[in-house]
Amino acid sequence: MKLSVLWSSKKAVCHHQIWAILLIAHLLLAARAEVATRAACPLDWVSVPLLVQYLPEFALRYDDPIGHFAEVGRFLAFIRPPRRVVITVPDVPADAYRPPRTDPYPTRSPRYAGKQ
């Protein structure tokens, strides 16, 4: 949304801009949650950049822009499974962990490859 640049050097204007950015972000995330609820999909399936891009256009054309976004979202790939890699870590029982070593680590004499 290009809100990363401060518009003024005055403290009051900067505070207003920060509050406006936070409010807009919360409204967009609430809209994303509503779209996910109406589309019966996980929250991370709804694309935030596409929501930001197309929701204002849907608001001009339709009476219920969030409902329309949820309705056509899968067809237009606004709602899709994420492509990021999911890392799975095995469960390790607590008794498998050992305390750290208390004895000093073994040392070895240095080797200088025959250099004098």
C-alpha atoms as a PDB file:
ATOM      1  CA  MET A   1       0.000   0.000   0.000  1.00  0.00           C
ATOM      2  CA  LYS A   2       3.112   2.201  -0.112  1.00  0.00           C
ATOM      3  CA  LEU A   3       2.635   3.386   3.459  1.00  0.00           C
ATOM      4  CA  SER A   4       6.212   2.709   4.492  1.00  0.00           C
ATOM      5  CA  VAL A   5       7.356   6.291   3.833  1.00  0.00           C
ATOM      6  CA  LEU A   6       6.543   8.994   6.360  1.00  0.00           C
ATOM      7  CA  TRP A   7       4.735  11.925   4.738  1.00  0.00           C
ATOM      8  CA  SER A   8       5.980  14.623   7.067  1.00  0.00           C
ATOM      9  CA  SER A   9       8.701  15.419   9.557  1.00  0.00           C
ATOM     10  CA  LYS A  10       6.248  16.789  12.111  1.00  0.00           C
ATOM     11  CA  LYS A  11       5.739  14.531  15.086  1.00  0.00           C
ATOM     12  CA  ALA A  12       1.937  14.817  15.189  1.00  0.00           C
ATOM     13  CA  VAL A  13       1.568  13.969  11.477  1.00  0.00           C
ATOM     14  CA  CYS A  14       3.886  10.964  11.872  1.00  0.00           C
ATOM     15  CA  HIS A  15       1.821   9.710  14.825  1.00  0.00           C
ATOM     16  CA  HIS A  16      -1.390  10.077  12.811  1.00  0.00           C
ATOM     17  CA  GLN A  17       0.132   8.197   9.899  1.00  0.00           C
ATOM     18  CA  ILE A  18       1.324   5.367  12.154  1.00  0.00           C
ATOM     19  CA  TRP A  19      -2.149   5.043  13.719  1.00  0.00           C
ATOM     20  CA  ALA A  20      -3.754   5.098  10.258  1.00  0.00           C
ATOM     21  CA  ILE A  21      -1.424   2.343   9.048  1.00  0.00           C
ATOM     22  CA  LEU A  22      -2.189   0.208  12.099  1.00  0.00           C
ATOM     23  CA  LEU A  23      -5.945   0.688  11.680  1.00  0.00           C
ATOM     24  CA  ILE A  24      -5.823  -0.155   7.974  1.00  0.00           C
ATOM     25  CA  ALA A  25      -3.724  -3.249   8.691  1.00  0.00           C
ATOM     26  CA  HIS A  26      -6.208  -4.442  11.332  1.00  0.00           C
ATOM     27  CA  LEU A  27      -9.145  -3.846   8.994  1.00  0.00           C
ATOM     28  CA  LEU A  28      -7.460  -5.802   6.209  1.00  0.00           C
ATOM     29  CA  LEU A  29      -6.595  -8.687   8.515  1.00  0.00           C
ATOM     30  CA  ALA A  30     -10.185  -8.728   9.803  1.00  0.00           C
ATOM     31  CA  ALA A  31     -11.409  -8.800   6.190  1.00  0.00           C
ATOM     32  CA  ARG A  32      -8.981 -11.656   5.500  1.00  0.00           C
ATOM     33  CA  ALA A  33     -10.345 -13.594   8.476  1.00  0.00           C
ATOM     34  CA  GLU A  34     -13.918 -12.987   7.283  1.00  0.00           C
ATOM     35  CA  VAL A  35     -13.049 -14.196   3.767  1.00  0.00           C
ATOM     36  CA  ALA A  36     -11.433 -17.333   5.215  1.00  0.00           C
ATOM     37  CA  THR A  37     -14.493 -17.984   7.374  1.00  0.00           C
ATOM     38  CA  ARG A  38     -16.928 -17.556   4.499  1.00  0.00           C
ATOM     39  CA  ALA A  39     -14.793 -19.660   2.139  1.00  0.00           C
ATOM     40  CA  ALA A  40     -14.349 -22.364   4.831  1.00  0.00           C
ATOM     41  CA  CYS A  41     -10.587 -22.468   4.409  1.00  0.00           C
ATOM     42  CA  PRO A  42      -7.568 -21.899   6.656  1.00  0.00           C
ATOM     43  CA  LEU A  43      -6.563 -18.283   7.219  1.00  0.00           C
ATOM     44  CA  ASP A  44      -3.186 -18.571   5.510  1.00  0.00           C
ATOM     45  CA  TRP A  45      -4.827 -19.658   2.246  1.00  0.00           C
ATOM     46  CA  VAL A  46      -6.201 -16.135   1.645  1.00  0.00           C
ATOM     47  CA  SER A  47      -3.686 -13.960  -0.198  1.00  0.00           C
ATOM     48  CA  VAL A  48      -3.199 -10.595   1.531  1.00  0.00           C
ATOM     49  CA  PRO A  49      -1.591  -8.826  -1.488  1.00  0.00           C
ATOM     50  CA  LEU A  50      -4.470  -9.881  -3.748  1.00  0.00           C
ATOM     51  CA  LEU A  51      -6.982  -8.889  -1.080  1.00  0.00           C
ATOM     52  CA  VAL A  52      -5.398  -5.423  -0.888  1.00  0.00           C
ATOM     53  CA  GLN A  53      -5.370  -5.126  -4.673  1.00  0.00           C
ATOM     54  CA  TYR A  54      -8.880  -6.339  -5.520  1.00  0.00           C
ATOM     55  CA  LEU A  55     -11.055  -5.601  -2.482  1.00  0.00           C
ATOM     56  CA  PRO A  56     -11.457  -1.877  -3.333  1.00  0.00           C
ATOM     57  CA  GLU A  57     -12.536  -2.809  -6.860  1.00  0.00           C
ATOM     58  CA  PHE A  58     -14.998  -5.381  -5.516  1.00  0.00           C
ATOM     59  CA  ALA A  59     -16.333  -2.761  -3.077  1.00  0.00           C
ATOM     60  CA  LEU A  60     -17.200  -0.500  -6.012  1.00  0.00           C
ATOM     61  CA  ARG A  61     -18.912  -3.232  -8.015  1.00  0.00           C
ATOM     62  CA  TYR A  62     -20.676  -5.467  -5.480  1.00  0.00           C
ATOM     63  CA  ASP A  63     -22.900  -4.960  -2.459  1.00  0.00           C
ATOM     64  CA  ASP A  64     -20.999  -7.617  -0.474  1.00  0.00           C
ATOM     65  CA  PRO A  65     -17.347  -7.424  -1.601  1.00  0.00           C
ATOM     66  CA  ILE A  66     -16.068  -9.849   1.039  1.00  0.00           C
ATOM     67  CA  GLY A  67     -18.709 -12.414   0.133  1.00  0.00           C
ATOM     68  CA  HIS A  68     -17.902 -12.053  -3.555  1.00  0.00           C
ATOM     69  CA  PHE A  69     -14.171 -12.352  -2.815  1.00  0.00           C
ATOM     70  CA  ALA A  70     -14.848 -15.582  -0.894  1.00  0.00           C
ATOM     71  CA  GLU A  71     -17.166 -16.823  -3.653  1.00  0.00           C
ATOM     72  CA  VAL A  72     -14.806 -16.382  -6.614  1.00  0.00           C
ATOM     73  CA  GLY A  73     -11.554 -16.572  -4.664  1.00  0.00           C
ATOM     74  CA  ARG A  74     -10.722 -20.191  -5.425  1.00  0.00           C
ATOM     75  CA  PHE A  75     -11.495 -19.796  -9.122  1.00  0.00           C
ATOM     76  CA  LEU A  76      -9.322 -16.669  -9.428  1.00  0.00           C
ATOM     77  CA  ALA A  77      -6.568 -18.152  -7.183  1.00  0.00           C
ATOM     78  CA  PHE A  78      -7.067 -15.520  -4.479  1.00  0.00           C
ATOM     79  CA  ILE A  79      -7.644 -18.441  -2.127  1.00  0.00           C
ATOM     80  CA  ARG A  80      -5.137 -21.246  -2.519  1.00  0.00           C
ATOM     81  CA  PRO A  81      -2.886 -23.442  -0.365  1.00  0.00           C
ATOM     82  CA  PRO A  82       0.373 -21.717   0.569  1.00  0.00           C
ATOM     83  CA  ARG A  83       3.473 -22.673  -1.385  1.00  0.00           C
ATOM     84  CA  ARG A  84       5.922 -22.333   1.434  1.00  0.00           C
ATOM     85  CA  VAL A  85       7.843 -25.301   2.766  1.00  0.00           C
ATOM     86  CA  VAL A  86       6.455 -26.806   5.924  1.00  0.00           C
ATOM     87  CA  ILE A  87       9.222 -28.094   8.147  1.00  0.00           C
ATOM     88  CA  THR A  88       8.266 -31.095  10.238  1.00  0.00           C
ATOM     89  CA  VAL A  89      10.327 -31.855  13.304  1.00  0.00           C
ATOM     90  CA  PRO A  90      10.046 -35.215  15.044  1.00  0.00           C
ATOM     91  CA  ASP A  91       8.961 -35.327  18.659  1.00  0.00           C
ATOM     92  CA  VAL A  92      11.875 -36.181  20.908  1.00  0.00           C
ATOM     93  CA  PRO A  93      11.027 -37.504  24.377  1.00  0.00           C
ATOM     94  CA  ALA A  94      12.458 -35.516  27.273  1.00  0.00           C
ATOM     95  CA  ASP A  95      14.474 -38.484  28.566  1.00  0.00           C
ATOM     96  CA  ALA A  96      16.431 -38.616  25.301  1.00  0.00           C
ATOM     97  CA  TYR A  97      18.239 -35.385  26.146  1.00  0.00           C
ATOM     98  CA  ARG A  98      21.556 -35.566  28.007  1.00  0.00           C
ATOM     99  CA  PRO A  99      23.127 -32.887  30.186  1.00  0.00           C
ATOM    100  CA  PRO A 100      26.215 -31.142  28.784  1.00  0.00           C
ATOM    101  CA  ARG A 101      29.666 -32.598  29.419  1.00  0.00           C
ATOM    102  CA  THR A 102      31.338 -31.617  32.670  1.00  0.00           C
ATOM    103  CA  ASP A 103      34.770 -33.124  31.929  1.00  0.00           C
ATOM    104  CA  PRO A 104      37.099 -31.014  29.784  1.00  0.00           C
ATOM    105  CA  TYR A 105      37.217 -31.772  26.113  1.00  0.00           C
ATOM    106  CA  PRO A 106      40.234 -33.786  24.998  1.00  0.00           C
ATOM    107  CA  THR A 107      43.143 -31.735  23.677  1.00  0.00           C
ATOM    108  CA  ARG A 108      45.654 -32.673  21.091  1.00  0.00           C
ATOM    109  CA  SER A 109      49.107 -31.379  20.451  1.00  0.00           C
ATOM    110  CA  PRO A 110      49.391 -28.931  17.562  1.00  0.00           C
ATOM    111  CA  ARG A 111      50.769 -30.124  14.250  1.00  0.00           C
ATOM    112  CA  TYR A 112      52.497 -27.626  11.999  1.00  0.00           C
ATOM    113  CA  ALA A 113      53.095 -29.820   8.946  1.00  0.00           C
ATOM    114  CA  GLY A 114      56.846 -29.901   9.407  1.00  0.00           C
ATOM    115  CA  LYS A 115      57.316 -26.125   9.441  1.00  0.00           C
ATOM    116  CA  GLN A 116      60.127 -24.771  11.627  1.00  0.00           C
END
